[in-house]
Amino acid sequence: MPIWTAAANPRLLTVVPARSGPALDLARIGHRAARTGDRRHVLLHLSRQTLQLDGLDGALDDGPRRISALIDFGRNLEPQLESVRRLDAFLSGREPPTDLGTRFGRLVEALRVGDAIAAGASQRAIGLGIYRGDWPGDGEHLKSRVRRMIPLAAALVRAGPRGVLAERF
């Protein structure tokens, strides 16, 4: 089982025990955990994503625990804050926010596919030109990726900019 470090994962969130706030009960959520010294590393399986926590001072020991996040100003802040927002949404029973970087990256990719289709490119040309892989590739993964992007590209073109900004995709 891997042990997560801030050097390997900029979204890693270090947590410590807290006196107030909602409690995290690992027994009630899917997770994997490993202990190294005084730290307990936990991978939470949330509804559509995972969240990696590094617990200090018993913050992630068994039973419901109130926790507080430590922000490291020596690291990139936005990935840490994204994890704080996801953890807060989970502990408060709200839907976690979407990962805008991943979401917009996927939408830009689909729009590039849409532009290529409008220019008359074949699926093979799209795969080789946009994704730069072997066609069709091991297990035809590249071909499948292009095929999945085509309907998304068409839907984005139909919806226009308002549809993208309204987070319908």
C-alpha atoms as a PDB file:
ATOM      1  CA  MET A   1       0.000   0.000   0.000  1.00  0.00           C
ATOM      2  CA  PRO A   2       1.447   3.391  -0.917  1.00  0.00           C
ATOM      3  CA  ILE A   3       2.193   6.016   1.705  1.00  0.00           C
ATOM      4  CA  TRP A   4       1.239   9.456   0.495  1.00  0.00           C
ATOM      5  CA  THR A   5       3.521  12.434   0.849  1.00  0.00           C
ATOM      6  CA  ALA A   6       3.058  16.085   0.009  1.00  0.00           C
ATOM      7  CA  ALA A   7       5.921  15.787  -2.474  1.00  0.00           C
ATOM      8  CA  ALA A   8       4.019  13.083  -4.380  1.00  0.00           C
ATOM      9  CA  ASN A   9       0.522  14.525  -4.031  1.00  0.00           C
ATOM     10  CA  PRO A  10      -0.067  18.303  -3.826  1.00  0.00           C
ATOM     11  CA  ARG A  11      -3.675  17.615  -2.711  1.00  0.00           C
ATOM     12  CA  LEU A  12      -2.608  15.672   0.373  1.00  0.00           C
ATOM     13  CA  LEU A  13      -4.244  17.210   3.417  1.00  0.00           C
ATOM     14  CA  THR A  14      -2.637  16.995   6.846  1.00  0.00           C
ATOM     15  CA  VAL A  15      -5.159  16.875   9.695  1.00  0.00           C
ATOM     16  CA  VAL A  16      -4.887  17.137  13.481  1.00  0.00           C
ATOM     17  CA  PRO A  17      -7.448  16.636  16.269  1.00  0.00           C
ATOM     18  CA  ALA A  18      -9.912  19.505  16.765  1.00  0.00           C
ATOM     19  CA  ARG A  19     -12.197  20.519  19.644  1.00  0.00           C
ATOM     20  CA  SER A  20     -15.227  21.428  17.542  1.00  0.00           C
ATOM     21  CA  GLY A  21     -16.794  20.812  14.173  1.00  0.00           C
ATOM     22  CA  PRO A  22     -18.245  17.741  12.490  1.00  0.00           C
ATOM     23  CA  ALA A  23     -16.672  14.374  13.211  1.00  0.00           C
ATOM     24  CA  LEU A  24     -15.104  11.984  10.721  1.00  0.00           C
ATOM     25  CA  ASP A  25     -15.971   8.359  11.446  1.00  0.00           C
ATOM     26  CA  LEU A  26     -13.802   6.088   9.326  1.00  0.00           C
ATOM     27  CA  ALA A  27     -15.950   3.085  10.242  1.00  0.00           C
ATOM     28  CA  ARG A  28     -18.801   4.636   8.222  1.00  0.00           C
ATOM     29  CA  ILE A  29     -16.889   5.343   5.014  1.00  0.00           C
ATOM     30  CA  GLY A  30     -14.870   3.273   2.594  1.00  0.00           C
ATOM     31  CA  HIS A  31     -11.184   3.848   3.119  1.00  0.00           C
ATOM     32  CA  ARG A  32      -7.718   2.350   3.175  1.00  0.00           C
ATOM     33  CA  ALA A  33      -5.242   3.195   5.899  1.00  0.00           C
ATOM     34  CA  ALA A  34      -1.632   2.631   6.848  1.00  0.00           C
ATOM     35  CA  ARG A  35       0.400   3.774   9.814  1.00  0.00           C
ATOM     36  CA  THR A  36       3.989   4.998   9.739  1.00  0.00           C
ATOM     37  CA  GLY A  37       5.386   6.154  13.054  1.00  0.00           C
ATOM     38  CA  ASP A  38       3.067   8.754  14.589  1.00  0.00           C
ATOM     39  CA  ARG A  39       1.148   9.319  11.326  1.00  0.00           C
ATOM     40  CA  ARG A  40      -1.857   7.510   9.930  1.00  0.00           C
ATOM     41  CA  HIS A  41      -2.322   7.812   6.192  1.00  0.00           C
ATOM     42  CA  VAL A  42      -5.904   7.403   4.993  1.00  0.00           C
ATOM     43  CA  LEU A  43      -7.378   7.255   1.506  1.00  0.00           C
ATOM     44  CA  LEU A  44     -11.096   8.109   1.716  1.00  0.00           C
ATOM     45  CA  HIS A  45     -13.376   6.783  -1.011  1.00  0.00           C
ATOM     46  CA  LEU A  46     -15.906   9.590  -1.536  1.00  0.00           C
ATOM     47  CA  SER A  47     -18.851   9.407  -3.936  1.00  0.00           C
ATOM     48  CA  ARG A  48     -17.013  10.428  -7.130  1.00  0.00           C
ATOM     49  CA  GLN A  49     -13.456  10.858  -5.974  1.00  0.00           C
ATOM     50  CA  THR A  50     -10.882  10.052  -3.347  1.00  0.00           C
ATOM     51  CA  LEU A  51      -9.286  12.201  -0.678  1.00  0.00           C
ATOM     52  CA  GLN A  52      -5.898  11.536   0.865  1.00  0.00           C
ATOM     53  CA  LEU A  53      -5.362  12.524   4.492  1.00  0.00           C
ATOM     54  CA  ASP A  54      -2.253  12.458   6.632  1.00  0.00           C
ATOM     55  CA  GLY A  55      -3.323  12.313  10.288  1.00  0.00           C
ATOM     56  CA  LEU A  56      -1.130  13.534  13.140  1.00  0.00           C
ATOM     57  CA  ASP A  57      -1.560  13.085  16.892  1.00  0.00           C
ATOM     58  CA  GLY A  58      -4.323  10.462  16.613  1.00  0.00           C
ATOM     59  CA  ALA A  59      -6.542  12.585  14.354  1.00  0.00           C
ATOM     60  CA  LEU A  60      -7.440   9.570  12.214  1.00  0.00           C
ATOM     61  CA  ASP A  61      -7.576   6.870  14.885  1.00  0.00           C
ATOM     62  CA  ASP A  62     -10.629   4.616  15.146  1.00  0.00           C
ATOM     63  CA  GLY A  63     -13.968   6.084  16.193  1.00  0.00           C
ATOM     64  CA  PRO A  64     -15.553   9.422  15.344  1.00  0.00           C
ATOM     65  CA  ARG A  65     -12.882  12.122  15.418  1.00  0.00           C
ATOM     66  CA  ARG A  66     -13.161  15.873  15.047  1.00  0.00           C
ATOM     67  CA  ILE A  67     -10.362  17.080  12.816  1.00  0.00           C
ATOM     68  CA  SER A  68      -8.839  20.298  11.593  1.00  0.00           C
ATOM     69  CA  ALA A  69      -6.757  20.774   8.449  1.00  0.00           C
ATOM     70  CA  LEU A  70      -3.235  22.167   8.509  1.00  0.00           C
ATOM     71  CA  ILE A  71      -2.344  24.310   5.518  1.00  0.00           C
ATOM     72  CA  ASP A  72       1.326  24.304   4.522  1.00  0.00           C
ATOM     73  CA  PHE A  73       2.237  27.716   3.078  1.00  0.00           C
ATOM     74  CA  GLY A  74       5.447  26.220   1.709  1.00  0.00           C
ATOM     75  CA  ARG A  75       3.390  24.196  -0.787  1.00  0.00           C
ATOM     76  CA  ASN A  76       1.029  25.214  -3.568  1.00  0.00           C
ATOM     77  CA  LEU A  77      -2.097  26.416  -1.758  1.00  0.00           C
ATOM     78  CA  GLU A  78      -4.839  25.772  -4.311  1.00  0.00           C
ATOM     79  CA  PRO A  79      -4.590  21.954  -4.310  1.00  0.00           C
ATOM     80  CA  GLN A  80      -4.665  21.964  -0.490  1.00  0.00           C
ATOM     81  CA  LEU A  81      -7.650  24.322  -0.434  1.00  0.00           C
ATOM     82  CA  GLU A  82      -9.440  22.131  -2.982  1.00  0.00           C
ATOM     83  CA  SER A  83      -9.006  19.195  -0.582  1.00  0.00           C
ATOM     84  CA  VAL A  84     -10.258  21.306   2.339  1.00  0.00           C
ATOM     85  CA  ARG A  85     -13.380  22.202   0.330  1.00  0.00           C
ATOM     86  CA  ARG A  86     -13.976  18.540  -0.553  1.00  0.00           C
ATOM     87  CA  LEU A  87     -13.502  17.405   3.048  1.00  0.00           C
ATOM     88  CA  ASP A  88     -15.775  20.179   4.336  1.00  0.00           C
ATOM     89  CA  ALA A  89     -18.500  19.246   1.849  1.00  0.00           C
ATOM     90  CA  PHE A  90     -18.229  15.584   2.804  1.00  0.00           C
ATOM     91  CA  LEU A  91     -18.339  16.249   6.563  1.00  0.00           C
ATOM     92  CA  SER A  92     -21.287  18.617   6.092  1.00  0.00           C
ATOM     93  CA  GLY A  93     -23.229  16.138   3.942  1.00  0.00           C
ATOM     94  CA  ARG A  94     -23.043  18.279   0.802  1.00  0.00           C
ATOM     95  CA  GLU A  95     -22.059  17.247  -2.705  1.00  0.00           C
ATOM     96  CA  PRO A  96     -18.305  17.773  -3.142  1.00  0.00           C
ATOM     97  CA  PRO A  97     -17.293  20.552  -5.527  1.00  0.00           C
ATOM     98  CA  THR A  98     -16.145  19.515  -8.971  1.00  0.00           C
ATOM     99  CA  ASP A  99     -12.460  19.528  -9.747  1.00  0.00           C
ATOM    100  CA  LEU A 100     -12.432  22.485 -12.120  1.00  0.00           C
ATOM    101  CA  GLY A 101      -8.969  21.749 -13.495  1.00  0.00           C
ATOM    102  CA  THR A 102      -9.898  18.224 -14.521  1.00  0.00           C
ATOM    103  CA  ARG A 103     -13.357  19.235 -15.704  1.00  0.00           C
ATOM    104  CA  PHE A 104     -12.222  22.127 -17.878  1.00  0.00           C
ATOM    105  CA  GLY A 105      -9.296  20.114 -19.213  1.00  0.00           C
ATOM    106  CA  ARG A 106     -11.745  17.438 -20.356  1.00  0.00           C
ATOM    107  CA  LEU A 107     -14.038  20.059 -21.922  1.00  0.00           C
ATOM    108  CA  VAL A 108     -11.167  21.716 -23.782  1.00  0.00           C
ATOM    109  CA  GLU A 109     -10.111  18.288 -25.024  1.00  0.00           C
ATOM    110  CA  ALA A 110     -13.653  17.645 -26.282  1.00  0.00           C
ATOM    111  CA  LEU A 111     -13.791  21.033 -28.012  1.00  0.00           C
ATOM    112  CA  ARG A 112     -10.525  20.233 -29.808  1.00  0.00           C
ATOM    113  CA  VAL A 113     -12.110  16.977 -30.961  1.00  0.00           C
ATOM    114  CA  GLY A 114     -15.177  18.937 -32.122  1.00  0.00           C
ATOM    115  CA  ASP A 115     -12.979  21.340 -34.105  1.00  0.00           C
ATOM    116  CA  ALA A 116     -11.183  18.420 -35.727  1.00  0.00           C
ATOM    117  CA  ILE A 117     -14.490  16.783 -36.690  1.00  0.00           C
ATOM    118  CA  ALA A 118     -15.754  20.076 -38.153  1.00  0.00           C
ATOM    119  CA  ALA A 119     -12.558  20.232 -40.218  1.00  0.00           C
ATOM    120  CA  GLY A 120     -13.279  16.744 -41.553  1.00  0.00           C
ATOM    121  CA  ALA A 121     -10.719  14.767 -39.552  1.00  0.00           C
ATOM    122  CA  SER A 122     -11.182  11.024 -39.155  1.00  0.00           C
ATOM    123  CA  GLN A 123     -11.180   9.330 -35.768  1.00  0.00           C
ATOM    124  CA  ARG A 124      -7.705   8.023 -36.551  1.00  0.00           C
ATOM    125  CA  ALA A 125      -6.443  11.519 -37.416  1.00  0.00           C
ATOM    126  CA  ILE A 126      -7.949  12.866 -34.180  1.00  0.00           C
ATOM    127  CA  GLY A 127      -6.319  10.125 -32.137  1.00  0.00           C
ATOM    128  CA  LEU A 128      -2.906  10.641 -33.675  1.00  0.00           C
ATOM    129  CA  GLY A 129      -3.118  14.435 -33.858  1.00  0.00           C
ATOM    130  CA  ILE A 130      -4.635  15.296 -30.471  1.00  0.00           C
ATOM    131  CA  TYR A 131      -3.645  12.375 -28.261  1.00  0.00           C
ATOM    132  CA  ARG A 132      -0.390  11.333 -29.952  1.00  0.00           C
ATOM    133  CA  GLY A 133      -0.561   7.611 -29.469  1.00  0.00           C
ATOM    134  CA  ASP A 134      -0.420   4.385 -31.419  1.00  0.00           C
ATOM    135  CA  TRP A 135      -3.581   3.746 -33.396  1.00  0.00           C
ATOM    136  CA  PRO A 136      -5.608   1.923 -32.219  1.00  0.00           C
ATOM    137  CA  GLY A 137      -3.224   1.226 -29.308  1.00  0.00           C
ATOM    138  CA  ASP A 138      -3.095  -1.537 -26.733  1.00  0.00           C
ATOM    139  CA  GLY A 139      -6.638  -2.663 -26.070  1.00  0.00           C
ATOM    140  CA  GLU A 140      -7.811   0.054 -28.446  1.00  0.00           C
ATOM    141  CA  HIS A 141      -7.815   2.571 -25.561  1.00  0.00           C
ATOM    142  CA  LEU A 142      -6.995   5.497 -27.853  1.00  0.00           C
ATOM    143  CA  LYS A 143      -9.807   4.604 -30.232  1.00  0.00           C
ATOM    144  CA  SER A 144     -12.231   4.338 -27.298  1.00  0.00           C
ATOM    145  CA  ARG A 145     -11.101   7.694 -25.945  1.00  0.00           C
ATOM    146  CA  VAL A 146     -11.773   9.399 -29.274  1.00  0.00           C
ATOM    147  CA  ARG A 147     -15.179   7.696 -29.578  1.00  0.00           C
ATOM    148  CA  ARG A 148     -16.158   8.897 -26.077  1.00  0.00           C
ATOM    149  CA  MET A 149     -15.163  12.479 -26.853  1.00  0.00           C
ATOM    150  CA  ILE A 150     -17.218  12.760 -30.044  1.00  0.00           C
ATOM    151  CA  PRO A 151     -20.688  12.860 -28.375  1.00  0.00           C
ATOM    152  CA  LEU A 152     -19.379  15.217 -25.677  1.00  0.00           C
ATOM    153  CA  ALA A 153     -17.947  17.499 -28.372  1.00  0.00           C
ATOM    154  CA  ALA A 154     -21.289  17.553 -30.197  1.00  0.00           C
ATOM    155  CA  ALA A 155     -23.163  18.322 -26.959  1.00  0.00           C
ATOM    156  CA  LEU A 156     -20.765  21.171 -26.117  1.00  0.00           C
ATOM    157  CA  VAL A 157     -21.203  22.713 -29.549  1.00  0.00           C
ATOM    158  CA  ARG A 158     -25.011  22.496 -29.228  1.00  0.00           C
ATOM    159  CA  ALA A 159     -25.014  23.984 -25.702  1.00  0.00           C
ATOM    160  CA  GLY A 160     -22.627  26.814 -26.491  1.00  0.00           C
ATOM    161  CA  PRO A 161     -20.682  28.806 -23.899  1.00  0.00           C
ATOM    162  CA  ARG A 162     -23.597  29.131 -21.458  1.00  0.00           C
ATOM    163  CA  GLY A 163     -23.955  25.374 -21.221  1.00  0.00           C
ATOM    164  CA  VAL A 164     -20.284  24.961 -20.390  1.00  0.00           C
ATOM    165  CA  LEU A 165     -20.311  27.727 -17.799  1.00  0.00           C
ATOM    166  CA  ALA A 166     -23.498  26.362 -16.217  1.00  0.00           C
ATOM    167  CA  GLU A 167     -21.546  23.176 -15.449  1.00  0.00           C
ATOM    168  CA  ARG A 168     -23.957  20.876 -17.290  1.00  0.00           C
ATOM    169  CA  PHE A 169     -21.103  18.677 -18.453  1.00  0.00           C
END
